[in-house]
Amino acid sequence: MTESMSPYMSSPRVTVLGVQPGDPPFRIVEIDGEMVRMATSMTDVILAAADAGITIHDLDDPDVVRWVGGGKLTWRLH
């Protein structure tokens, strides 16, 4: 059995997509694959998760949050 087929591997419930142009720039937060909020800060990500009943203790934990297109400190277009 390959690792990707392991029944014990799971993906994080929270995904934060790359920065989008806007005033201010924002990132889309997905919970369980569904878009739930536009975030302009780490606080918005934590609040979106809390609204879905998810407590985030560590934004750097890849088992909890998947960051796409930059980490938790990336909030501007490059």
C-alpha atoms as a PDB file:
ATOM      1  CA  MET A   1       0.000   0.000   0.000  1.00  0.00           C
ATOM      2  CA  THR A   2       1.326   3.446  -0.846  1.00  0.00           C
ATOM      3  CA  GLU A   3       1.324   6.306   1.615  1.00  0.00           C
ATOM      4  CA  SER A   4      -1.354   8.201  -0.304  1.00  0.00           C
ATOM      5  CA  MET A   5      -3.687   5.234   0.068  1.00  0.00           C
ATOM      6  CA  SER A   6      -3.187   4.930   3.832  1.00  0.00           C
ATOM      7  CA  PRO A   7      -6.458   5.106   5.756  1.00  0.00           C
ATOM      8  CA  TYR A   8      -4.600   6.873   8.573  1.00  0.00           C
ATOM      9  CA  MET A   9      -3.553   9.911   6.553  1.00  0.00           C
ATOM     10  CA  SER A  10      -5.884  12.847   6.568  1.00  0.00           C
ATOM     11  CA  SER A  11      -5.807  16.316   5.135  1.00  0.00           C
ATOM     12  CA  PRO A  12      -6.349  19.392   7.282  1.00  0.00           C
ATOM     13  CA  ARG A  13      -9.918  20.638   7.482  1.00  0.00           C
ATOM     14  CA  VAL A  14      -8.803  24.268   7.053  1.00  0.00           C
ATOM     15  CA  THR A  15      -7.196  25.458   3.802  1.00  0.00           C
ATOM     16  CA  VAL A  16      -6.101  29.040   3.206  1.00  0.00           C
ATOM     17  CA  LEU A  17      -5.680  29.839  -0.484  1.00  0.00           C
ATOM     18  CA  GLY A  18      -3.236  32.332  -2.032  1.00  0.00           C
ATOM     19  CA  VAL A  19      -3.547  36.099  -1.820  1.00  0.00           C
ATOM     20  CA  GLN A  20      -6.148  37.651  -4.113  1.00  0.00           C
ATOM     21  CA  PRO A  21      -6.091  41.259  -5.342  1.00  0.00           C
ATOM     22  CA  GLY A  22      -8.423  43.580  -3.521  1.00  0.00           C
ATOM     23  CA  ASP A  23      -8.489  46.575  -1.253  1.00  0.00           C
ATOM     24  CA  PRO A  24      -7.278  45.171   1.032  1.00  0.00           C
ATOM     25  CA  PRO A  25      -5.831  41.985  -0.480  1.00  0.00           C
ATOM     26  CA  PHE A  26      -7.451  38.848   0.922  1.00  0.00           C
ATOM     27  CA  ARG A  27      -7.167  35.079   1.088  1.00  0.00           C
ATOM     28  CA  ILE A  28     -10.030  32.618   0.782  1.00  0.00           C
ATOM     29  CA  VAL A  29     -10.547  30.220   3.679  1.00  0.00           C
ATOM     30  CA  GLU A  30     -11.995  26.791   2.964  1.00  0.00           C
ATOM     31  CA  ILE A  31     -13.319  24.438   5.609  1.00  0.00           C
ATOM     32  CA  ASP A  32     -13.823  20.825   4.532  1.00  0.00           C
ATOM     33  CA  GLY A  33     -13.456  21.932   0.902  1.00  0.00           C
ATOM     34  CA  GLU A  34     -16.130  24.636   1.070  1.00  0.00           C
ATOM     35  CA  MET A  35     -15.344  28.347   0.791  1.00  0.00           C
ATOM     36  CA  VAL A  36     -16.452  29.968   4.051  1.00  0.00           C
ATOM     37  CA  ARG A  37     -14.778  33.353   4.302  1.00  0.00           C
ATOM     38  CA  MET A  38     -12.453  35.946   2.829  1.00  0.00           C
ATOM     39  CA  ALA A  39      -9.651  36.601   5.300  1.00  0.00           C
ATOM     40  CA  THR A  40      -7.395  39.625   5.564  1.00  0.00           C
ATOM     41  CA  SER A  41      -5.453  38.378   8.588  1.00  0.00           C
ATOM     42  CA  MET A  42      -4.567  35.342  10.673  1.00  0.00           C
ATOM     43  CA  THR A  43      -7.325  36.355  13.080  1.00  0.00           C
ATOM     44  CA  ASP A  44      -9.909  35.930  10.304  1.00  0.00           C
ATOM     45  CA  VAL A  45      -8.634  32.384   9.715  1.00  0.00           C
ATOM     46  CA  ILE A  46      -8.958  31.529  13.410  1.00  0.00           C
ATOM     47  CA  LEU A  47     -12.463  33.017  13.535  1.00  0.00           C
ATOM     48  CA  ALA A  48     -13.565  31.112  10.422  1.00  0.00           C
ATOM     49  CA  ALA A  49     -12.343  27.889  11.984  1.00  0.00           C
ATOM     50  CA  ALA A  50     -14.043  28.684  15.293  1.00  0.00           C
ATOM     51  CA  ASP A  51     -17.342  29.321  13.477  1.00  0.00           C
ATOM     52  CA  ALA A  52     -17.018  25.765  12.107  1.00  0.00           C
ATOM     53  CA  GLY A  53     -16.262  24.352  15.556  1.00  0.00           C
ATOM     54  CA  ILE A  54     -12.525  23.957  14.920  1.00  0.00           C
ATOM     55  CA  THR A  55     -10.041  25.213  17.496  1.00  0.00           C
ATOM     56  CA  ILE A  56      -6.653  26.163  16.077  1.00  0.00           C
ATOM     57  CA  HIS A  57      -3.845  26.160  18.625  1.00  0.00           C
ATOM     58  CA  ASP A  58      -0.988  26.395  16.116  1.00  0.00           C
ATOM     59  CA  LEU A  59      -1.349  28.013  12.682  1.00  0.00           C
ATOM     60  CA  ASP A  60       1.924  26.328  11.664  1.00  0.00           C
ATOM     61  CA  ASP A  61       0.592  22.800  12.267  1.00  0.00           C
ATOM     62  CA  PRO A  62       0.175  21.223   8.798  1.00  0.00           C
ATOM     63  CA  ASP A  63      -2.266  18.688  10.251  1.00  0.00           C
ATOM     64  CA  VAL A  64      -4.609  21.563  11.113  1.00  0.00           C
ATOM     65  CA  VAL A  65      -4.113  24.262   8.449  1.00  0.00           C
ATOM     66  CA  ARG A  66      -2.889  24.009   4.863  1.00  0.00           C
ATOM     67  CA  TRP A  67      -1.456  27.269   3.518  1.00  0.00           C
ATOM     68  CA  VAL A  68      -1.435  27.610  -0.284  1.00  0.00           C
ATOM     69  CA  GLY A  69       0.619  30.329  -1.968  1.00  0.00           C
ATOM     70  CA  GLY A  70       2.414  31.516   1.140  1.00  0.00           C
ATOM     71  CA  GLY A  71       2.363  30.970   4.874  1.00  0.00           C
ATOM     72  CA  LYS A  72       0.520  32.645   7.691  1.00  0.00           C
ATOM     73  CA  LEU A  73       2.495  35.876   7.275  1.00  0.00           C
ATOM     74  CA  THR A  74       1.694  36.291   3.558  1.00  0.00           C
ATOM     75  CA  TRP A  75      -1.133  38.791   3.150  1.00  0.00           C
ATOM     76  CA  ARG A  76       0.056  40.932   0.211  1.00  0.00           C
ATOM     77  CA  LEU A  77       0.530  40.180  -3.468  1.00  0.00           C
ATOM     78  CA  HIS A  78       4.133  39.711  -4.532  1.00  0.00           C
END
